[in-house]
Amino acid sequence: MSVTSVAQKWVSEAAGVTQPSRVVWCDGSKAEFDGLIEAMLRDGTLLPLNPKTYPSCYLHRSHPSDVART
């Protein structure tokens, strides 16, 4: 059994138990990165820093109700 099929099987089993609204497979592509950046900029969780002093740098804030913050 390949690593991919093992991972796919595990994700399928975990999704069956947890019932997520969706499952997303990340491919690490530039398009995926750009889409994630754009989505976080749109929802306000990512803030661009000064582009002159910190080009392509951002501040990311988690949601206040995130369990890691409580």
PDB file of N, CA and C in Angstrom:
ATOM      1  N   MET A   1       0.846  -1.178   0.000  1.00  0.00           N
ATOM      2  CA  MET A   1       0.000   0.000   0.000  1.00  0.00           C
ATOM      3  C   MET A   1       0.895   1.247   0.000  1.00  0.00           C
ATOM      4  N   SER A   2       0.589   2.200  -0.852  1.00  0.00           N
ATOM      5  CA  SER A   2       1.407   3.413  -0.947  1.00  0.00           C
ATOM      6  C   SER A   2       1.107   4.366   0.208  1.00  0.00           C
ATOM      7  N   VAL A   3       2.043   5.273   0.437  1.00  0.00           N
ATOM      8  CA  VAL A   3       1.864   6.271   1.497  1.00  0.00           C
ATOM      9  C   VAL A   3       0.608   7.088   1.230  1.00  0.00           C
ATOM     10  N   THR A   4       0.386   7.430  -0.038  1.00  0.00           N
ATOM     11  CA  THR A   4      -0.785   8.234  -0.393  1.00  0.00           C
ATOM     12  C   THR A   4      -2.070   7.510  -0.040  1.00  0.00           C
ATOM     13  N   SER A   5      -2.164   6.225  -0.383  1.00  0.00           N
ATOM     14  CA  SER A   5      -3.394   5.503  -0.090  1.00  0.00           C
ATOM     15  C   SER A   5      -3.583   5.313   1.416  1.00  0.00           C
ATOM     16  N   VAL A   6      -2.499   5.170   2.163  1.00  0.00           N
ATOM     17  CA  VAL A   6      -2.602   5.079   3.623  1.00  0.00           C
ATOM     18  C   VAL A   6      -3.148   6.395   4.171  1.00  0.00           C
ATOM     19  N   ALA A   7      -2.618   7.512   3.689  1.00  0.00           N
ATOM     20  CA  ALA A   7      -3.080   8.827   4.137  1.00  0.00           C
ATOM     21  C   ALA A   7      -4.540   9.048   3.743  1.00  0.00           C
ATOM     22  N   GLN A   8      -4.888   8.684   2.522  1.00  0.00           N
ATOM     23  CA  GLN A   8      -6.267   8.852   2.070  1.00  0.00           C
ATOM     24  C   GLN A   8      -7.228   8.021   2.917  1.00  0.00           C
ATOM     25  N   LYS A   9      -6.830   6.813   3.244  1.00  0.00           N
ATOM     26  CA  LYS A   9      -7.671   5.940   4.066  1.00  0.00           C
ATOM     27  C   LYS A   9      -7.840   6.543   5.454  1.00  0.00           C
ATOM     28  N   TRP A  10      -6.736   7.017   6.054  1.00  0.00           N
ATOM     29  CA  TRP A  10      -6.805   7.601   7.387  1.00  0.00           C
ATOM     30  C   TRP A  10      -7.704   8.835   7.402  1.00  0.00           C
ATOM     31  N   VAL A  11      -7.549   9.709   6.413  1.00  0.00           N
ATOM     32  CA  VAL A  11      -8.371  10.927   6.339  1.00  0.00           C
ATOM     33  C   VAL A  11      -9.834  10.554   6.157  1.00  0.00           C
ATOM     34  N   SER A  12     -10.101   9.583   5.332  1.00  0.00           N
ATOM     35  CA  SER A  12     -11.478   9.145   5.114  1.00  0.00           C
ATOM     36  C   SER A  12     -12.097   8.608   6.402  1.00  0.00           C
ATOM     37  N   GLU A  13     -11.347   7.819   7.140  1.00  0.00           N
ATOM     38  CA  GLU A  13     -11.841   7.279   8.412  1.00  0.00           C
ATOM     39  C   GLU A  13     -12.057   8.397   9.436  1.00  0.00           C
ATOM     40  N   ALA A  14     -11.104   9.312   9.533  1.00  0.00           N
ATOM     41  CA  ALA A  14     -11.226  10.424  10.475  1.00  0.00           C
ATOM     42  C   ALA A  14     -12.414  11.314  10.113  1.00  0.00           C
ATOM     43  N   ALA A  15     -12.620  11.557   8.837  1.00  0.00           N
ATOM     44  CA  ALA A  15     -13.752  12.374   8.392  1.00  0.00           C
ATOM     45  C   ALA A  15     -15.075  11.674   8.688  1.00  0.00           C
ATOM     46  N   GLY A  16     -15.075  10.359   8.588  1.00  0.00           N
ATOM     47  CA  GLY A  16     -16.282   9.613   8.912  1.00  0.00           C
ATOM     48  C   GLY A  16     -16.669   9.761  10.377  1.00  0.00           C
ATOM     49  N   VAL A  17     -15.694   9.866  11.243  1.00  0.00           N
ATOM     50  CA  VAL A  17     -15.943  10.014  12.679  1.00  0.00           C
ATOM     51  C   VAL A  17     -16.280  11.458  13.028  1.00  0.00           C
ATOM     52  N   THR A  18     -15.525  12.407  12.482  1.00  0.00           N
ATOM     53  CA  THR A  18     -15.659  13.807  12.878  1.00  0.00           C
ATOM     54  C   THR A  18     -16.698  14.593  12.077  1.00  0.00           C
ATOM     55  N   GLN A  19     -17.086  14.089  10.907  1.00  0.00           N
ATOM     56  CA  GLN A  19     -18.096  14.731  10.055  1.00  0.00           C
ATOM     57  C   GLN A  19     -17.787  16.209   9.754  1.00  0.00           C
ATOM     58  N   PRO A  20     -16.605  16.509   9.189  1.00  0.00           N
ATOM     59  CA  PRO A  20     -16.295  17.907   8.863  1.00  0.00           C
ATOM     60  C   PRO A  20     -17.191  18.394   7.719  1.00  0.00           C
ATOM     61  N   SER A  21     -17.346  19.697   7.618  1.00  0.00           N
ATOM     62  CA  SER A  21     -18.152  20.254   6.527  1.00  0.00           C
ATOM     63  C   SER A  21     -17.454  20.094   5.184  1.00  0.00           C
ATOM     64  N   ARG A  22     -16.125  19.965   5.223  1.00  0.00           N
ATOM     65  CA  ARG A  22     -15.365  19.698   3.999  1.00  0.00           C
ATOM     66  C   ARG A  22     -13.972  19.190   4.365  1.00  0.00           C
ATOM     67  N   VAL A  23     -13.364  18.529   3.423  1.00  0.00           N
ATOM     68  CA  VAL A  23     -11.990  18.050   3.561  1.00  0.00           C
ATOM     69  C   VAL A  23     -11.192  18.680   2.433  1.00  0.00           C
ATOM     70  N   VAL A  24     -10.063  19.280   2.761  1.00  0.00           N
ATOM     71  CA  VAL A  24      -9.234  19.951   1.759  1.00  0.00           C
ATOM     72  C   VAL A  24      -7.861  19.300   1.755  1.00  0.00           C
ATOM     73  N   TRP A  25      -7.417  18.875   0.579  1.00  0.00           N
ATOM     74  CA  TRP A  25      -6.062  18.325   0.420  1.00  0.00           C
ATOM     75  C   TRP A  25      -5.158  19.451  -0.034  1.00  0.00           C
ATOM     76  N   CYS A  26      -4.123  19.734   0.723  1.00  0.00           N
ATOM     77  CA  CYS A  26      -3.182  20.798   0.382  1.00  0.00           C
ATOM     78  C   CYS A  26      -2.092  20.248  -0.529  1.00  0.00           C
ATOM     79  N   ASP A  27      -1.756  21.014  -1.570  1.00  0.00           N
ATOM     80  CA  ASP A  27      -0.747  20.561  -2.527  1.00  0.00           C
ATOM     81  C   ASP A  27       0.544  21.382  -2.471  1.00  0.00           C
ATOM     82  N   GLY A  28       0.532  22.464  -1.687  1.00  0.00           N
ATOM     83  CA  GLY A  28       1.738  23.268  -1.541  1.00  0.00           C
ATOM     84  C   GLY A  28       2.057  24.149  -2.735  1.00  0.00           C
ATOM     85  N   SER A  29       1.106  24.308  -3.636  1.00  0.00           N
ATOM     86  CA  SER A  29       1.356  25.100  -4.843  1.00  0.00           C
ATOM     87  C   SER A  29       1.309  26.598  -4.546  1.00  0.00           C
ATOM     88  N   LYS A  30       1.865  27.361  -5.446  1.00  0.00           N
ATOM     89  CA  LYS A  30       1.840  28.826  -5.347  1.00  0.00           C
ATOM     90  C   LYS A  30       0.401  29.324  -5.395  1.00  0.00           C
ATOM     91  N   ALA A  31      -0.413  28.709  -6.234  1.00  0.00           N
ATOM     92  CA  ALA A  31      -1.820  29.112  -6.342  1.00  0.00           C
ATOM     93  C   ALA A  31      -2.551  28.873  -5.018  1.00  0.00           C
ATOM     94  N   GLU A  32      -2.258  27.755  -4.380  1.00  0.00           N
ATOM     95  CA  GLU A  32      -2.880  27.471  -3.095  1.00  0.00           C
ATOM     96  C   GLU A  32      -2.428  28.497  -2.046  1.00  0.00           C
ATOM     97  N   PHE A  33      -1.147  28.787  -1.992  1.00  0.00           N
ATOM     98  CA  PHE A  33      -0.603  29.785  -1.065  1.00  0.00           C
ATOM     99  C   PHE A  33      -1.272  31.139  -1.284  1.00  0.00           C
ATOM    100  N   ASP A  34      -1.322  31.571  -2.543  1.00  0.00           N
ATOM    101  CA  ASP A  34      -1.924  32.867  -2.855  1.00  0.00           C
ATOM    102  C   ASP A  34      -3.395  32.895  -2.447  1.00  0.00           C
ATOM    103  N   GLY A  35      -4.110  31.792  -2.656  1.00  0.00           N
ATOM    104  CA  GLY A  35      -5.517  31.719  -2.273  1.00  0.00           C
ATOM    105  C   GLY A  35      -5.708  31.812  -0.766  1.00  0.00           C
ATOM    106  N   LEU A  36      -4.836  31.140  -0.012  1.00  0.00           N
ATOM    107  CA  LEU A  36      -4.920  31.210   1.446  1.00  0.00           C
ATOM    108  C   LEU A  36      -4.633  32.626   1.947  1.00  0.00           C
ATOM    109  N   ILE A  37      -3.606  33.253   1.386  1.00  0.00           N
ATOM    110  CA  ILE A  37      -3.272  34.634   1.766  1.00  0.00           C
ATOM    111  C   ILE A  37      -4.451  35.554   1.473  1.00  0.00           C
ATOM    112  N   GLU A  38      -5.011  35.446   0.293  1.00  0.00           N
ATOM    113  CA  GLU A  38      -6.136  36.296  -0.109  1.00  0.00           C
ATOM    114  C   GLU A  38      -7.340  36.085   0.805  1.00  0.00           C
ATOM    115  N   ALA A  39      -7.654  34.843   1.131  1.00  0.00           N
ATOM    116  CA  ALA A  39      -8.803  34.550   1.996  1.00  0.00           C
ATOM    117  C   ALA A  39      -8.596  35.147   3.385  1.00  0.00           C
ATOM    118  N   MET A  40      -7.394  35.030   3.932  1.00  0.00           N
ATOM    119  CA  MET A  40      -7.128  35.577   5.265  1.00  0.00           C
ATOM    120  C   MET A  40      -7.092  37.104   5.257  1.00  0.00           C
ATOM    121  N   LEU A  41      -6.621  37.703   4.181  1.00  0.00           N
ATOM    122  CA  LEU A  41      -6.665  39.162   4.066  1.00  0.00           C
ATOM    123  C   LEU A  41      -8.114  39.625   4.013  1.00  0.00           C
ATOM    124  N   ARG A  42      -8.946  38.902   3.269  1.00  0.00           N
ATOM    125  CA  ARG A  42     -10.352  39.245   3.123  1.00  0.00           C
ATOM    126  C   ARG A  42     -11.099  39.147   4.458  1.00  0.00           C
ATOM    127  N   ASP A  43     -10.822  38.088   5.240  1.00  0.00           N
ATOM    128  CA  ASP A  43     -11.578  37.928   6.489  1.00  0.00           C
ATOM    129  C   ASP A  43     -10.946  38.659   7.669  1.00  0.00           C
ATOM    130  N   GLY A  44      -9.836  39.337   7.443  1.00  0.00           N
ATOM    131  CA  GLY A  44      -9.238  40.172   8.466  1.00  0.00           C
ATOM    132  C   GLY A  44      -8.328  39.461   9.458  1.00  0.00           C
ATOM    133  N   THR A  45      -8.076  38.164   9.272  1.00  0.00           N
ATOM    134  CA  THR A  45      -7.183  37.459  10.192  1.00  0.00           C
ATOM    135  C   THR A  45      -5.721  37.658   9.835  1.00  0.00           C
ATOM    136  N   LEU A  46      -5.462  38.179   8.657  1.00  0.00           N
ATOM    137  CA  LEU A  46      -4.095  38.429   8.212  1.00  0.00           C
ATOM    138  C   LEU A  46      -3.968  39.908   7.872  1.00  0.00           C
ATOM    139  N   LEU A  47      -2.971  40.545   8.449  1.00  0.00           N
ATOM    140  CA  LEU A  47      -2.753  41.968   8.206  1.00  0.00           C
ATOM    141  C   LEU A  47      -1.381  42.164   7.585  1.00  0.00           C
ATOM    142  N   PRO A  48      -1.316  42.870   6.448  1.00  0.00           N
ATOM    143  CA  PRO A  48      -0.008  43.106   5.833  1.00  0.00           C
ATOM    144  C   PRO A  48       0.815  44.080   6.674  1.00  0.00           C
ATOM    145  N   LEU A  49       2.099  43.781   6.802  1.00  0.00           N
ATOM    146  CA  LEU A  49       3.013  44.695   7.479  1.00  0.00           C
ATOM    147  C   LEU A  49       3.522  45.717   6.476  1.00  0.00           C
ATOM    148  N   ASN A  50       4.269  46.680   6.933  1.00  0.00           N
ATOM    149  CA  ASN A  50       4.804  47.723   6.063  1.00  0.00           C
ATOM    150  C   ASN A  50       5.589  47.078   4.920  1.00  0.00           C
ATOM    151  N   PRO A  51       5.123  47.245   3.675  1.00  0.00           N
ATOM    152  CA  PRO A  51       5.786  46.586   2.546  1.00  0.00           C
ATOM    153  C   PRO A  51       7.188  47.106   2.245  1.00  0.00           C
ATOM    154  N   LYS A  52       7.500  48.318   2.710  1.00  0.00           N
ATOM    155  CA  LYS A  52       8.845  48.844   2.470  1.00  0.00           C
ATOM    156  C   LYS A  52       9.866  48.207   3.407  1.00  0.00           C
ATOM    157  N   THR A  53       9.486  48.034   4.669  1.00  0.00           N
ATOM    158  CA  THR A  53      10.425  47.467   5.643  1.00  0.00           C
ATOM    159  C   THR A  53      10.282  45.952   5.795  1.00  0.00           C
ATOM    160  N   TYR A  54       9.080  45.426   5.525  1.00  0.00           N
ATOM    161  CA  TYR A  54       8.816  43.988   5.660  1.00  0.00           C
ATOM    162  C   TYR A  54       8.036  43.479   4.446  1.00  0.00           C
ATOM    163  N   PRO A  55       8.669  43.421   3.294  1.00  0.00           N
ATOM    164  CA  PRO A  55       7.951  42.978   2.094  1.00  0.00           C
ATOM    165  C   PRO A  55       7.465  41.534   2.227  1.00  0.00           C
ATOM    166  N   SER A  56       6.269  41.305   1.778  1.00  0.00           N
ATOM    167  CA  SER A  56       5.632  39.973   1.802  1.00  0.00           C
ATOM    168  C   SER A  56       5.524  39.394   3.211  1.00  0.00           C
ATOM    169  N   CYS A  57       5.384  40.265   4.216  1.00  0.00           N
ATOM    170  CA  CYS A  57       5.245  39.808   5.601  1.00  0.00           C
ATOM    171  C   CYS A  57       3.880  40.227   6.147  1.00  0.00           C
ATOM    172  N   TYR A  58       3.342  39.383   7.018  1.00  0.00           N
ATOM    173  CA  TYR A  58       2.002  39.596   7.539  1.00  0.00           C
ATOM    174  C   TYR A  58       1.955  39.300   9.030  1.00  0.00           C
ATOM    175  N   LEU A  59       0.936  39.862   9.694  1.00  0.00           N
ATOM    176  CA  LEU A  59       0.607  39.528  11.068  1.00  0.00           C
ATOM    177  C   LEU A  59      -0.664  38.703  11.006  1.00  0.00           C
ATOM    178  N   HIS A  60      -0.635  37.517  11.594  1.00  0.00           N
ATOM    179  CA  HIS A  60      -1.822  36.668  11.619  1.00  0.00           C
ATOM    180  C   HIS A  60      -2.364  36.600  13.030  1.00  0.00           C
ATOM    181  N   ARG A  61      -3.653  36.797  13.163  1.00  0.00           N
ATOM    182  CA  ARG A  61      -4.321  36.722  14.456  1.00  0.00           C
ATOM    183  C   ARG A  61      -5.370  35.621  14.419  1.00  0.00           C
ATOM    184  N   SER A  62      -5.343  34.773  15.429  1.00  0.00           N
ATOM    185  CA  SER A  62      -6.373  33.737  15.503  1.00  0.00           C
ATOM    186  C   SER A  62      -7.653  34.345  16.070  1.00  0.00           C
ATOM    187  N   HIS A  63      -8.730  33.605  15.948  1.00  0.00           N
ATOM    188  CA  HIS A  63     -10.028  34.063  16.444  1.00  0.00           C
ATOM    189  C   HIS A  63      -9.988  34.116  17.977  1.00  0.00           C
ATOM    190  N   PRO A  64     -10.602  35.128  18.586  1.00  0.00           N
ATOM    191  CA  PRO A  64     -10.577  35.240  20.053  1.00  0.00           C
ATOM    192  C   PRO A  64     -11.121  33.999  20.785  1.00  0.00           C
ATOM    193  N   SER A  65     -12.018  33.261  20.147  1.00  0.00           N
ATOM    194  CA  SER A  65     -12.561  32.078  20.808  1.00  0.00           C
ATOM    195  C   SER A  65     -11.731  30.819  20.561  1.00  0.00           C
ATOM    196  N   ASP A  66     -10.618  30.962  19.868  1.00  0.00           N
ATOM    197  CA  ASP A  66      -9.741  29.817  19.617  1.00  0.00           C
ATOM    198  C   ASP A  66      -9.300  29.229  20.957  1.00  0.00           C
ATOM    199  N   VAL A  67      -9.418  27.916  21.098  1.00  0.00           N
ATOM    200  CA  VAL A  67      -9.112  27.283  22.387  1.00  0.00           C
ATOM    201  C   VAL A  67      -7.665  27.489  22.815  1.00  0.00           C
ATOM    202  N   ALA A  68      -6.760  27.723  21.880  1.00  0.00           N
ATOM    203  CA  ALA A  68      -5.363  27.942  22.243  1.00  0.00           C
ATOM    204  C   ALA A  68      -5.185  29.259  22.981  1.00  0.00           C
ATOM    205  N   ARG A  69      -6.146  30.140  22.845  1.00  0.00           N
ATOM    206  CA  ARG A  69      -6.035  31.462  23.476  1.00  0.00           C
ATOM    207  C   ARG A  69      -6.754  31.519  24.819  1.00  0.00           C
ATOM    208  N   THR A  70      -7.548  30.517  25.135  1.00  0.00           N
ATOM    209  CA  THR A  70      -8.355  30.582  26.369  1.00  0.00           C
ATOM    210  C   THR A  70      -7.745  29.792  27.489  1.00  0.00           C
TER     211      THR A  70
END
